[in-house]
C-alpha atoms as a PDB file:
ATOM      1  CA  MET A   1      -5.325  37.758   4.912  1.00  0.00           C
ATOM      2  CA  ASN A   2      -8.213  37.019   2.460  1.00  0.00           C
ATOM      3  CA  LEU A   3      -6.269  35.865  -0.808  1.00  0.00           C
ATOM      4  CA  GLN A   4      -9.544  36.800  -3.281  1.00  0.00           C
ATOM      5  CA  GLY A   5      -8.517  39.593  -5.513  1.00  0.00           C
ATOM      6  CA  CYS A   6      -4.933  39.415  -4.610  1.00  0.00           C
ATOM      7  CA  LYS A   7      -1.913  38.844  -7.027  1.00  0.00           C
ATOM      8  CA  ALA A   8      -0.124  35.682  -6.220  1.00  0.00           C
ATOM      9  CA  LEU A   9       3.333  34.366  -7.149  1.00  0.00           C
ATOM     10  CA  VAL A  10       3.780  30.586  -7.437  1.00  0.00           C
ATOM     11  CA  THR A  11       7.037  28.908  -8.041  1.00  0.00           C
ATOM     12  CA  GLY A  12       7.408  25.583  -9.427  1.00  0.00           C
ATOM     13  CA  ALA A  13       3.849  25.778 -10.583  1.00  0.00           C
ATOM     14  CA  GLU A  14       4.604  23.277 -13.630  1.00  0.00           C
ATOM     15  CA  GLY A  15       4.967  20.494 -11.008  1.00  0.00           C
ATOM     16  CA  PHE A  16       2.830  18.339  -9.352  1.00  0.00           C
ATOM     17  CA  ILE A  17       1.371  20.097  -6.091  1.00  0.00           C
ATOM     18  CA  GLY A  18       2.508  23.434  -7.703  1.00  0.00           C
ATOM     19  CA  SER A  19      -0.524  22.861 -10.374  1.00  0.00           C
ATOM     20  CA  HIS A  20      -2.839  22.164  -7.784  1.00  0.00           C
ATOM     21  CA  LEU A  21      -2.091  24.567  -5.733  1.00  0.00           C
ATOM     22  CA  VAL A  22      -2.513  27.361  -8.900  1.00  0.00           C
ATOM     23  CA  GLU A  23      -6.068  25.420  -9.530  1.00  0.00           C
ATOM     24  CA  GLN A  24      -7.251  25.767  -6.218  1.00  0.00           C
ATOM     25  CA  LEU A  25      -5.811  29.813  -5.974  1.00  0.00           C
ATOM     26  CA  ALA A  26      -7.456  30.378  -9.594  1.00  0.00           C
ATOM     27  CA  ALA A  27     -10.874  29.138  -8.125  1.00  0.00           C
ATOM     28  CA  ARG A  28     -10.395  31.359  -5.164  1.00  0.00           C
ATOM     29  CA  GLY A  29     -10.214  34.403  -7.269  1.00  0.00           C
ATOM     30  CA  VAL A  30      -6.380  34.794  -6.989  1.00  0.00           C
ATOM     31  CA  HIS A  31      -4.398  36.498  -9.998  1.00  0.00           C
ATOM     32  CA  VAL A  32      -1.854  33.842 -10.278  1.00  0.00           C
ATOM     33  CA  ARG A  33       1.696  34.643 -11.751  1.00  0.00           C
ATOM     34  CA  ALA A  34       2.891  31.068 -12.443  1.00  0.00           C
ATOM     35  CA  HIS A  35       6.399  30.871 -12.484  1.00  0.00           C
ATOM     36  CA  VAL A  36       7.714  27.930 -14.827  1.00  0.00           C
ATOM     37  CA  LEU A  37      10.880  26.808 -15.228  1.00  0.00           C
ATOM     38  CA  TYR A  38      12.556  28.168 -18.736  1.00  0.00           C
ATOM     39  CA  ASN A  39      13.240  25.446 -21.348  1.00  0.00           C
ATOM     40  CA  SER A  40      13.421  25.455 -24.730  1.00  0.00           C
ATOM     41  CA  PHE A  41      10.298  23.445 -25.332  1.00  0.00           C
ATOM     42  CA  ASN A  42       7.997  26.164 -24.337  1.00  0.00           C
ATOM     43  CA  SER A  43       6.628  23.488 -21.763  1.00  0.00           C
ATOM     44  CA  TRP A  44       4.886  24.772 -19.005  1.00  0.00           C
ATOM     45  CA  GLY A  45       4.403  21.201 -17.406  1.00  0.00           C
ATOM     46  CA  TRP A  46       1.455  20.203 -15.545  1.00  0.00           C
ATOM     47  CA  LEU A  47      -0.240  23.389 -16.124  1.00  0.00           C
ATOM     48  CA  GLU A  48      -0.864  22.564 -19.890  1.00  0.00           C
ATOM     49  CA  GLU A  49      -3.392  20.051 -18.371  1.00  0.00           C
ATOM     50  CA  LEU A  50      -5.576  22.258 -16.437  1.00  0.00           C
ATOM     51  CA  SER A  51      -8.599  24.170 -17.987  1.00  0.00           C
ATOM     52  CA  PRO A  52      -8.768  27.112 -20.043  1.00  0.00           C
ATOM     53  CA  GLU A  53     -11.288  28.290 -17.145  1.00  0.00           C
ATOM     54  CA  VAL A  54      -8.237  27.612 -14.866  1.00  0.00           C
ATOM     55  CA  MET A  55      -5.896  29.318 -16.922  1.00  0.00           C
ATOM     56  CA  ALA A  56      -7.867  32.463 -17.742  1.00  0.00           C
ATOM     57  CA  ASP A  57      -6.607  34.162 -14.981  1.00  0.00           C
ATOM     58  CA  VAL A  58      -3.138  32.785 -14.898  1.00  0.00           C
ATOM     59  CA  GLU A  59       0.171  34.466 -15.935  1.00  0.00           C
ATOM     60  CA  VAL A  60       2.611  32.258 -16.816  1.00  0.00           C
ATOM     61  CA  PHE A  61       6.141  33.553 -16.305  1.00  0.00           C
ATOM     62  CA  MET A  62       9.345  31.608 -16.845  1.00  0.00           C
ATOM     63  CA  GLY A  63      12.519  31.866 -15.566  1.00  0.00           C
ATOM     64  CA  ASP A  64      15.006  30.398 -13.038  1.00  0.00           C
ATOM     65  CA  VAL A  65      14.882  30.801  -9.210  1.00  0.00           C
ATOM     66  CA  THR A  66      18.774  30.314  -9.470  1.00  0.00           C
ATOM     67  CA  THR A  67      19.154  33.531 -11.227  1.00  0.00           C
ATOM     68  CA  PRO A  68      18.350  36.836  -9.263  1.00  0.00           C
ATOM     69  CA  TYR A  69      17.679  38.981 -11.550  1.00  0.00           C
ATOM     70  CA  ARG A  70      14.917  37.254 -13.495  1.00  0.00           C
ATOM     71  CA  THR A  71      13.934  36.078  -9.645  1.00  0.00           C
ATOM     72  CA  GLY A  72      13.405  40.069  -9.015  1.00  0.00           C
ATOM     73  CA  GLU A  73      11.229  40.586 -12.174  1.00  0.00           C
ATOM     74  CA  ALA A  74       9.043  37.752 -10.994  1.00  0.00           C
ATOM     75  CA  VAL A  75       8.166  39.446  -7.666  1.00  0.00           C
ATOM     76  CA  GLU A  76       7.158  42.384  -8.608  1.00  0.00           C
ATOM     77  CA  SER A  77       4.042  43.770  -7.959  1.00  0.00           C
ATOM     78  CA  VAL A  78       2.611  40.333  -6.076  1.00  0.00           C
ATOM     79  CA  ASP A  79       0.802  40.435  -2.660  1.00  0.00           C
ATOM     80  CA  VAL A  80       1.629  36.424  -1.571  1.00  0.00           C
ATOM     81  CA  VAL A  81       4.396  34.072  -3.084  1.00  0.00           C
ATOM     82  CA  PHE A  82       3.940  30.591  -2.581  1.00  0.00           C
ATOM     83  CA  HIS A  83       7.752  29.022  -3.102  1.00  0.00           C
ATOM     84  CA  LEU A  84       7.492  25.575  -4.240  1.00  0.00           C
ATOM     85  CA  ALA A  85      10.674  25.403  -6.839  1.00  0.00           C
ATOM     86  CA  ALA A  86      12.569  22.930  -5.826  1.00  0.00           C
ATOM     87  CA  LEU A  87      14.827  19.797  -6.794  1.00  0.00           C
ATOM     88  CA  ILE A  88      13.190  16.987  -5.063  1.00  0.00           C
ATOM     89  CA  GLY A  89      14.209  13.652  -6.527  1.00  0.00           C
ATOM     90  CA  ILE A  90      16.024  12.000  -3.239  1.00  0.00           C
ATOM     91  CA  PRO A  91      17.866   9.168  -5.389  1.00  0.00           C
ATOM     92  CA  TYR A  92      19.580  11.900  -7.983  1.00  0.00           C
ATOM     93  CA  SER A  93      20.934  14.110  -5.217  1.00  0.00           C
ATOM     94  CA  TYR A  94      23.547  11.400  -4.205  1.00  0.00           C
ATOM     95  CA  HIS A  95      24.775  12.053  -7.960  1.00  0.00           C
ATOM     96  CA  ALA A  96      23.970  16.042  -8.103  1.00  0.00           C
ATOM     97  CA  PRO A  97      24.347  17.357  -4.441  1.00  0.00           C
ATOM     98  CA  GLU A  98      25.656  20.820  -6.185  1.00  0.00           C
ATOM     99  CA  ALA A  99      22.485  20.948  -8.019  1.00  0.00           C
ATOM    100  CA  TYR A 100      20.244  20.493  -5.239  1.00  0.00           C
ATOM    101  CA  VAL A 101      22.487  23.582  -2.960  1.00  0.00           C
ATOM    102  CA  ALA A 102      21.930  25.701  -6.415  1.00  0.00           C
ATOM    103  CA  THR A 103      18.237  25.453  -6.480  1.00  0.00           C
ATOM    104  CA  ASN A 104      17.189  24.473  -3.395  1.00  0.00           C
ATOM    105  CA  VAL A 105      19.329  27.181  -0.995  1.00  0.00           C
ATOM    106  CA  GLN A 106      20.535  29.533  -3.448  1.00  0.00           C
ATOM    107  CA  GLY A 107      17.195  29.490  -5.428  1.00  0.00           C
ATOM    108  CA  THR A 108      15.432  30.075  -1.766  1.00  0.00           C
ATOM    109  CA  LEU A 109      17.640  33.043  -0.959  1.00  0.00           C
ATOM    110  CA  ASN A 110      17.002  34.656  -4.274  1.00  0.00           C
ATOM    111  CA  ILE A 111      13.378  34.501  -3.466  1.00  0.00           C
ATOM    112  CA  LEU A 112      13.636  35.574  -0.149  1.00  0.00           C
ATOM    113  CA  GLN A 113      15.842  38.753  -1.062  1.00  0.00           C
ATOM    114  CA  ALA A 114      13.598  39.671  -4.068  1.00  0.00           C
ATOM    115  CA  CYS A 115      10.539  39.798  -1.496  1.00  0.00           C
ATOM    116  CA  ARG A 116      12.577  41.601   0.464  1.00  0.00           C
ATOM    117  CA  GLN A 117      13.623  44.517  -1.891  1.00  0.00           C
ATOM    118  CA  ASN A 118       9.632  44.400  -2.883  1.00  0.00           C
ATOM    119  CA  GLY A 119       7.563  44.481   0.030  1.00  0.00           C
ATOM    120  CA  THR A 120       6.033  41.376  -0.260  1.00  0.00           C
ATOM    121  CA  LYS A 121       3.028  40.417   2.426  1.00  0.00           C
ATOM    122  CA  LYS A 122       3.360  36.912   3.014  1.00  0.00           C
ATOM    123  CA  ILE A 123       5.971  34.446   2.017  1.00  0.00           C
ATOM    124  CA  VAL A 124       4.884  30.761   2.166  1.00  0.00           C
ATOM    125  CA  HIS A 125       7.968  28.278   1.866  1.00  0.00           C
ATOM    126  CA  THR A 126       7.957  25.016   1.121  1.00  0.00           C
ATOM    127  CA  SER A 127       9.851  22.525   3.866  1.00  0.00           C
ATOM    128  CA  THR A 128       9.658  18.793   3.527  1.00  0.00           C
ATOM    129  CA  SER A 129       9.179  16.078   6.298  1.00  0.00           C
ATOM    130  CA  GLU A 130      12.067  14.755   5.030  1.00  0.00           C
ATOM    131  CA  VAL A 131      14.013  17.289   6.750  1.00  0.00           C
ATOM    132  CA  TYR A 132      13.255  15.820  10.304  1.00  0.00           C
ATOM    133  CA  GLY A 133      15.028  12.019   9.177  1.00  0.00           C
ATOM    134  CA  SER A 134      14.169   8.934  10.945  1.00  0.00           C
ATOM    135  CA  ALA A 135      11.432  10.042  13.581  1.00  0.00           C
ATOM    136  CA  MET A 136      13.163   9.982  16.826  1.00  0.00           C
ATOM    137  CA  TYR A 137       9.338   9.973  18.758  1.00  0.00           C
ATOM    138  CA  VAL A 138       5.865   9.899  16.459  1.00  0.00           C
ATOM    139  CA  PRO A 139       4.041  11.743  15.762  1.00  0.00           C
ATOM    140  CA  ILE A 140       6.757  14.306  14.763  1.00  0.00           C
ATOM    141  CA  ASP A 141       6.034  17.746  15.303  1.00  0.00           C
ATOM    142  CA  GLU A 142       7.291  20.649  14.550  1.00  0.00           C
ATOM    143  CA  LYS A 143       9.878  20.988  17.392  1.00  0.00           C
ATOM    144  CA  HIS A 144      11.677  18.032  16.493  1.00  0.00           C
ATOM    145  CA  PRO A 145      15.266  17.854  15.319  1.00  0.00           C
ATOM    146  CA  LEU A 146      16.048  18.200  12.098  1.00  0.00           C
ATOM    147  CA  ARG A 147      18.783  15.926  10.357  1.00  0.00           C
ATOM    148  CA  GLY A 148      19.969  15.792   7.004  1.00  0.00           C
ATOM    149  CA  GLN A 149      19.991  12.353   5.745  1.00  0.00           C
ATOM    150  CA  SER A 150      20.304  12.944   2.522  1.00  0.00           C
ATOM    151  CA  PRO A 151      22.020  15.765   0.439  1.00  0.00           C
ATOM    152  CA  TYR A 152      18.693  16.677  -0.841  1.00  0.00           C
ATOM    153  CA  SER A 153      16.861  16.900   2.815  1.00  0.00           C
ATOM    154  CA  ALA A 154      20.240  19.151   3.815  1.00  0.00           C
ATOM    155  CA  SER A 155      19.635  21.315   1.146  1.00  0.00           C
ATOM    156  CA  LYS A 156      16.168  21.744   2.452  1.00  0.00           C
ATOM    157  CA  ILE A 157      17.044  21.958   6.153  1.00  0.00           C
ATOM    158  CA  GLY A 158      19.699  25.231   4.185  1.00  0.00           C
ATOM    159  CA  ALA A 159      16.662  27.006   2.781  1.00  0.00           C
ATOM    160  CA  ASP A 160      14.322  26.325   5.884  1.00  0.00           C
ATOM    161  CA  MET A 161      17.068  28.423   8.000  1.00  0.00           C
ATOM    162  CA  LEU A 162      17.503  30.872   5.188  1.00  0.00           C
ATOM    163  CA  ALA A 163      13.802  31.547   5.410  1.00  0.00           C
ATOM    164  CA  GLN A 164      13.614  31.838   9.175  1.00  0.00           C
ATOM    165  CA  SER A 165      16.642  34.195   9.399  1.00  0.00           C
ATOM    166  CA  TYR A 166      15.194  36.325   6.835  1.00  0.00           C
ATOM    167  CA  GLU A 167      11.808  36.562   9.329  1.00  0.00           C
ATOM    168  CA  LEU A 168      13.779  37.146  12.398  1.00  0.00           C
ATOM    169  CA  SER A 169      16.560  39.475  10.819  1.00  0.00           C
ATOM    170  CA  PHE A 170      14.380  41.683   8.575  1.00  0.00           C
ATOM    171  CA  GLY A 171      10.729  41.056   9.632  1.00  0.00           C
ATOM    172  CA  LEU A 172      10.110  39.199   6.656  1.00  0.00           C
ATOM    173  CA  PRO A 173       6.248  37.932   6.951  1.00  0.00           C
ATOM    174  CA  VAL A 174       7.779  33.893   5.987  1.00  0.00           C
ATOM    175  CA  ALA A 175       5.930  31.051   7.167  1.00  0.00           C
ATOM    176  CA  ILE A 176       7.151  27.587   6.377  1.00  0.00           C
ATOM    177  CA  CYS A 177       5.109  24.899   5.169  1.00  0.00           C
ATOM    178  CA  ARG A 178       5.899  21.173   6.020  1.00  0.00           C
ATOM    179  CA  PRO A 179       4.055  18.483   4.020  1.00  0.00           C
ATOM    180  CA  PHE A 180       4.525  15.085   4.808  1.00  0.00           C
ATOM    181  CA  ASN A 181       3.890  12.835   1.628  1.00  0.00           C
ATOM    182  CA  THR A 182       2.298  14.269  -0.411  1.00  0.00           C
ATOM    183  CA  TYR A 183       0.573  12.155  -3.924  1.00  0.00           C
ATOM    184  CA  GLY A 184      -2.292  12.122  -6.243  1.00  0.00           C
ATOM    185  CA  PRO A 185      -2.824  13.028  -9.661  1.00  0.00           C
ATOM    186  CA  ARG A 186      -0.174  14.496 -11.764  1.00  0.00           C
ATOM    187  CA  GLN A 187       2.766  13.152  -9.052  1.00  0.00           C
ATOM    188  CA  SER A 188       6.450  11.983 -10.777  1.00  0.00           C
ATOM    189  CA  SER A 189       6.429   8.397 -11.506  1.00  0.00           C
ATOM    190  CA  ARG A 190       9.753   8.655  -9.166  1.00  0.00           C
ATOM    191  CA  ALA A 191       7.710   8.425  -6.071  1.00  0.00           C
ATOM    192  CA  VAL A 192       6.132   5.189  -4.657  1.00  0.00           C
ATOM    193  CA  ILE A 193       2.708   5.616  -5.258  1.00  0.00           C
ATOM    194  CA  PRO A 194       2.637   6.100  -9.007  1.00  0.00           C
ATOM    195  CA  THR A 195       5.517   3.725  -9.201  1.00  0.00           C
ATOM    196  CA  ILE A 196       3.257   0.775  -8.145  1.00  0.00           C
ATOM    197  CA  ILE A 197      -0.166   2.027  -9.733  1.00  0.00           C
ATOM    198  CA  THR A 198       1.646   2.378 -13.412  1.00  0.00           C
ATOM    199  CA  GLN A 199       3.614  -0.719 -12.830  1.00  0.00           C
ATOM    200  CA  LEU A 200       0.181  -2.628 -12.001  1.00  0.00           C
ATOM    201  CA  ILE A 201      -1.915  -1.086 -14.688  1.00  0.00           C
ATOM    202  CA  ASP A 202       0.663  -1.493 -17.547  1.00  0.00           C
ATOM    203  CA  GLY A 203       0.682  -5.209 -16.202  1.00  0.00           C
ATOM    204  CA  ALA A 204       3.732  -5.629 -14.411  1.00  0.00           C
ATOM    205  CA  GLU A 205       4.216  -9.589 -13.271  1.00  0.00           C
ATOM    206  CA  SER A 206       5.724  -8.311 -10.083  1.00  0.00           C
ATOM    207  CA  LEU A 207       6.101  -4.955  -8.179  1.00  0.00           C
ATOM    208  CA  GLN A 208       9.601  -3.821  -8.347  1.00  0.00           C
ATOM    209  CA  LEU A 209      10.303  -1.905  -5.090  1.00  0.00           C
ATOM    210  CA  GLY A 210      12.787  -0.568  -2.641  1.00  0.00           C
ATOM    211  CA  SER A 211      12.372  -0.746   0.939  1.00  0.00           C
ATOM    212  CA  LEU A 212       9.401  -2.436   2.322  1.00  0.00           C
ATOM    213  CA  THR A 213       9.610  -1.547   5.587  1.00  0.00           C
ATOM    214  CA  THR A 214      10.074   2.090   5.864  1.00  0.00           C
ATOM    215  CA  THR A 215       6.859   4.116   6.820  1.00  0.00           C
ATOM    216  CA  ARG A 216       5.375   7.079   5.578  1.00  0.00           C
ATOM    217  CA  ASP A 217       2.675   9.149   6.096  1.00  0.00           C
ATOM    218  CA  PHE A 218       0.345  10.066   2.828  1.00  0.00           C
ATOM    219  CA  ASN A 219      -1.677  12.890   2.355  1.00  0.00           C
ATOM    220  CA  TYR A 220      -3.511  13.583  -0.527  1.00  0.00           C
ATOM    221  CA  VAL A 221      -2.568  16.600  -2.535  1.00  0.00           C
ATOM    222  CA  LYS A 222      -5.644  18.275  -2.509  1.00  0.00           C
ATOM    223  CA  ASP A 223      -5.964  18.693   1.066  1.00  0.00           C
ATOM    224  CA  THR A 224      -1.967  20.068   0.956  1.00  0.00           C
ATOM    225  CA  ALA A 225      -2.648  22.832  -1.504  1.00  0.00           C
ATOM    226  CA  ALA A 226      -5.598  23.997   0.793  1.00  0.00           C
ATOM    227  CA  GLY A 227      -2.993  23.462   3.507  1.00  0.00           C
ATOM    228  CA  PHE A 228      -0.471  26.184   1.655  1.00  0.00           C
ATOM    229  CA  ILE A 229      -3.435  28.594   0.916  1.00  0.00           C
ATOM    230  CA  ALA A 230      -4.833  28.555   4.899  1.00  0.00           C
ATOM    231  CA  ILE A 231      -1.331  29.400   6.008  1.00  0.00           C
ATOM    232  CA  ALA A 232      -1.053  32.004   3.707  1.00  0.00           C
ATOM    233  CA  GLU A 233      -4.469  33.546   4.755  1.00  0.00           C
ATOM    234  CA  SER A 234      -3.727  33.360   8.517  1.00  0.00           C
ATOM    235  CA  ASP A 235      -2.346  36.526  10.639  1.00  0.00           C
ATOM    236  CA  LYS A 236      -0.780  33.256  13.072  1.00  0.00           C
ATOM    237  CA  THR A 237       1.570  31.990  10.604  1.00  0.00           C
ATOM    238  CA  ILE A 238       4.377  34.588  10.196  1.00  0.00           C
ATOM    239  CA  GLY A 239       7.702  33.142  11.639  1.00  0.00           C
ATOM    240  CA  GLU A 240       5.931  29.461  12.526  1.00  0.00           C
ATOM    241  CA  VAL A 241       6.940  26.094  10.734  1.00  0.00           C
ATOM    242  CA  VAL A 242       3.803  24.241  10.329  1.00  0.00           C
ATOM    243  CA  ASN A 243       3.480  20.640   9.460  1.00  0.00           C
ATOM    244  CA  LEU A 244       0.460  19.388   7.210  1.00  0.00           C
ATOM    245  CA  ALA A 245       0.446  15.481   7.919  1.00  0.00           C
ATOM    246  CA  THR A 246      -2.610  13.122   8.315  1.00  0.00           C
ATOM    247  CA  GLY A 247      -0.690  11.688  11.738  1.00  0.00           C
ATOM    248  CA  LYS A 248      -1.248   7.964  10.285  1.00  0.00           C
ATOM    249  CA  HIS A 249       1.298   5.934   8.620  1.00  0.00           C
ATOM    250  CA  MET A 250       2.186   2.449   6.860  1.00  0.00           C
ATOM    251  CA  SER A 251       5.254   0.606   5.431  1.00  0.00           C
ATOM    252  CA  ILE A 252       5.457   0.573   1.951  1.00  0.00           C
ATOM    253  CA  GLY A 253       4.828  -3.352   2.031  1.00  0.00           C
ATOM    254  CA  GLU A 254       1.476  -2.318   3.336  1.00  0.00           C
ATOM    255  CA  LEU A 255       0.841   0.488   1.052  1.00  0.00           C
ATOM    256  CA  ALA A 256       1.572  -1.877  -2.156  1.00  0.00           C
ATOM    257  CA  LYS A 257      -1.090  -4.379  -0.631  1.00  0.00           C
ATOM    258  CA  LYS A 258      -3.781  -1.313  -0.281  1.00  0.00           C
ATOM    259  CA  ILE A 259      -3.346  -0.038  -4.206  1.00  0.00           C
ATOM    260  CA  MET A 260      -3.448  -3.702  -5.210  1.00  0.00           C
ATOM    261  CA  LYS A 261      -6.540  -3.636  -4.127  1.00  0.00           C
ATOM    262  CA  VAL A 262      -8.019  -0.391  -5.337  1.00  0.00           C
ATOM    263  CA  VAL A 263      -6.283  -1.261  -8.814  1.00  0.00           C
ATOM    264  CA  GLY A 264      -7.551  -5.041  -8.702  1.00  0.00           C
ATOM    265  CA  ARG A 265      -4.573  -6.447  -9.717  1.00  0.00           C
ATOM    266  CA  GLU A 266      -2.338  -8.775  -6.851  1.00  0.00           C
ATOM    267  CA  VAL A 267       1.201  -9.190  -7.839  1.00  0.00           C
ATOM    268  CA  PRO A 268       4.002 -10.388  -6.007  1.00  0.00           C
ATOM    269  CA  ILE A 269       6.629  -7.901  -4.572  1.00  0.00           C
ATOM    270  CA  GLU A 270      10.186  -7.660  -4.973  1.00  0.00           C
ATOM    271  CA  SER A 271      12.691  -5.222  -2.934  1.00  0.00           C
ATOM    272  CA  LYS A 272      15.662  -4.522  -5.452  1.00  0.00           C
ATOM    273  CA  GLU A 273      18.601  -3.263  -3.947  1.00  0.00           C
ATOM    274  CA  GLN A 274      19.301  -0.374  -6.647  1.00  0.00           C
ATOM    275  CA  ARG A 275      15.766   0.882  -5.627  1.00  0.00           C
ATOM    276  CA  LYS A 276      16.837   1.340  -2.004  1.00  0.00           C
ATOM    277  CA  ARG A 277      18.733   4.456  -0.444  1.00  0.00           C
ATOM    278  CA  PRO A 278      21.868   3.678   1.050  1.00  0.00           C
ATOM    279  CA  ASP A 279      21.287   2.408   4.656  1.00  0.00           C
ATOM    280  CA  ASN A 280      22.314   5.728   6.577  1.00  0.00           C
ATOM    281  CA  SER A 281      20.585   7.650   4.647  1.00  0.00           C
ATOM    282  CA  GLU A 282      17.096   5.776   4.599  1.00  0.00           C
ATOM    283  CA  VAL A 283      14.104   7.956   6.390  1.00  0.00           C
ATOM    284  CA  LEU A 284      12.910   4.543   8.695  1.00  0.00           C
ATOM    285  CA  ARG A 285      10.062   6.307   9.853  1.00  0.00           C
ATOM    286  CA  LEU A 286       7.822   9.315   9.277  1.00  0.00           C
ATOM    287  CA  CYS A 287       4.448  10.232  11.000  1.00  0.00           C
ATOM    288  CA  GLY A 288       3.451  13.872  11.577  1.00  0.00           C
ATOM    289  CA  ASP A 289       1.879  15.908  14.060  1.00  0.00           C
ATOM    290  CA  ALA A 290      -0.653  18.150  12.436  1.00  0.00           C
ATOM    291  CA  THR A 291      -2.195  19.486  16.088  1.00  0.00           C
ATOM    292  CA  LYS A 292      -0.287  23.019  14.981  1.00  0.00           C
ATOM    293  CA  ALA A 293      -1.960  22.899  11.648  1.00  0.00           C
ATOM    294  CA  ARG A 294      -5.890  22.208  13.502  1.00  0.00           C
ATOM    295  CA  LYS A 295      -5.035  25.195  16.056  1.00  0.00           C
ATOM    296  CA  LEU A 296      -3.796  27.758  13.812  1.00  0.00           C
ATOM    297  CA  LEU A 297      -5.758  27.327  10.745  1.00  0.00           C
ATOM    298  CA  GLY A 298      -8.554  24.681  11.516  1.00  0.00           C
ATOM    299  CA  TRP A 299      -6.982  22.661   8.883  1.00  0.00           C
ATOM    300  CA  ARG A 300      -6.976  18.919   8.614  1.00  0.00           C
ATOM    301  CA  PRO A 301      -7.177  16.401   5.877  1.00  0.00           C
ATOM    302  CA  THR A 302     -10.821  15.719   4.461  1.00  0.00           C
ATOM    303  CA  TYR A 303      -9.319  12.677   1.725  1.00  0.00           C
ATOM    304  CA  THR A 304      -8.938   9.203   3.290  1.00  0.00           C
ATOM    305  CA  ILE A 305      -6.193   7.014   1.969  1.00  0.00           C
ATOM    306  CA  GLU A 306      -8.930   5.106  -0.085  1.00  0.00           C
ATOM    307  CA  ASP A 307     -10.769   7.859  -1.425  1.00  0.00           C
ATOM    308  CA  GLY A 308      -7.247   9.490  -2.419  1.00  0.00           C
ATOM    309  CA  LEU A 309      -6.135   6.393  -4.023  1.00  0.00           C
ATOM    310  CA  ARG A 310      -9.278   5.977  -5.720  1.00  0.00           C
ATOM    311  CA  GLU A 311      -8.749   9.162  -7.842  1.00  0.00           C
ATOM    312  CA  THR A 312      -5.290   8.774  -8.577  1.00  0.00           C
ATOM    313  CA  VAL A 313      -5.871   5.379  -9.985  1.00  0.00           C
ATOM    314  CA  ALA A 314      -8.512   6.713 -11.873  1.00  0.00           C
ATOM    315  CA  TRP A 315      -6.678   9.479 -12.905  1.00  0.00           C
ATOM    316  CA  LEU A 316      -3.082   7.472 -13.938  1.00  0.00           C
ATOM    317  CA  LYS A 317      -5.353   4.868 -16.171  1.00  0.00           C
ATOM    318  CA  GLU A 318      -6.288   7.849 -18.286  1.00  0.00           C
ATOM    319  CA  ASN A 319      -3.052   9.254 -18.013  1.00  0.00           C
ATOM    320  CA  HIS A 320      -0.220   6.655 -18.092  1.00  0.00           C
ATOM    321  CA  GLY A 321       1.005   7.377 -21.257  1.00  0.00           C
ATOM    322  CA  HIS A 322       3.231  10.205 -19.544  1.00  0.00           C
ATOM    323  CA  PHE A 323       4.904   7.565 -17.498  1.00  0.00           C
ATOM    324  CA  LYS A 324       7.794   4.835 -17.968  1.00  0.00           C
ATOM    325  CA  SER A 325       6.795   2.149 -15.701  1.00  0.00           C
ATOM    326  CA  ASN A 326       9.469  -0.136 -16.678  1.00  0.00           C
ATOM    327  CA  ASP A 327      12.458   1.934 -16.126  1.00  0.00           C
ATOM    328  CA  TYR A 328      13.510   3.269 -12.907  1.00  0.00           C
ATOM    329  CA  VAL A 329      15.264   6.403 -13.349  1.00  0.00           C
ATOM    330  CA  VAL A 330      16.864   7.990  -9.894  1.00  0.00           C
END
């Protein structure tokens, strides 16, 4: 399926990955309907940072995936749906699990049902590596068991199962994209990489972090967005789950030292209890196997961690006013 000239809906378009996906789709000649969470400030999130050239053929649609009627309107007359809208902050899911079920499970159901009613040609549903829980083996392939170690990951497992059920029950052309730890410009400071960078560039005398021994597989956002598009364009991905990963992982402590070299500041690292997850909820090790993505799509990461960090640091130096490095907010 060649997306050029098609009309695509991107839910969660105002967010970190969503805004990069909109950018790449527009560059390919795709007519994008960017679904943005309705708010009284009329804010388009990170879409407001995109160039006028990119936004020239982007239709901004404000709504909420938890509202079935409005979701149905969003899906009308589009060929492809990229469903990224979600509540993603893991720490907040301990405090408001019902909100995660409403957005991640019910919101996904609304999208799937609207796509079924409108005859959408392809749906790319966004999963997360968090659904695997702590790795039972590495690298983690798509056959690895799923384990809801936080309300967030449990809600995403539920959403994934709904997506699979609509493909099996109704023949809905759904593919599931399962990115590992995406990072890059525009990411929330609730994520570890912008947390480290903003503390360093704002002159912190020590880094305040959570667990330093957990490991993650970090994938640069431009590679992740390219993976979404490759999944949408392939006729081999319907009914499939596809990991987007580098196959490499490092501990948070190692990551912090690597970032300090890029930023050019070295400070002590402190592991703070308030920034840690509950013991049984902490995912200790994530390292993804992207063999399936290579075989089905020819996709592989093009950015090294060093290249990606340099671009991220440069962007945050220019935009750190958007972030509150001194505050820890769940």
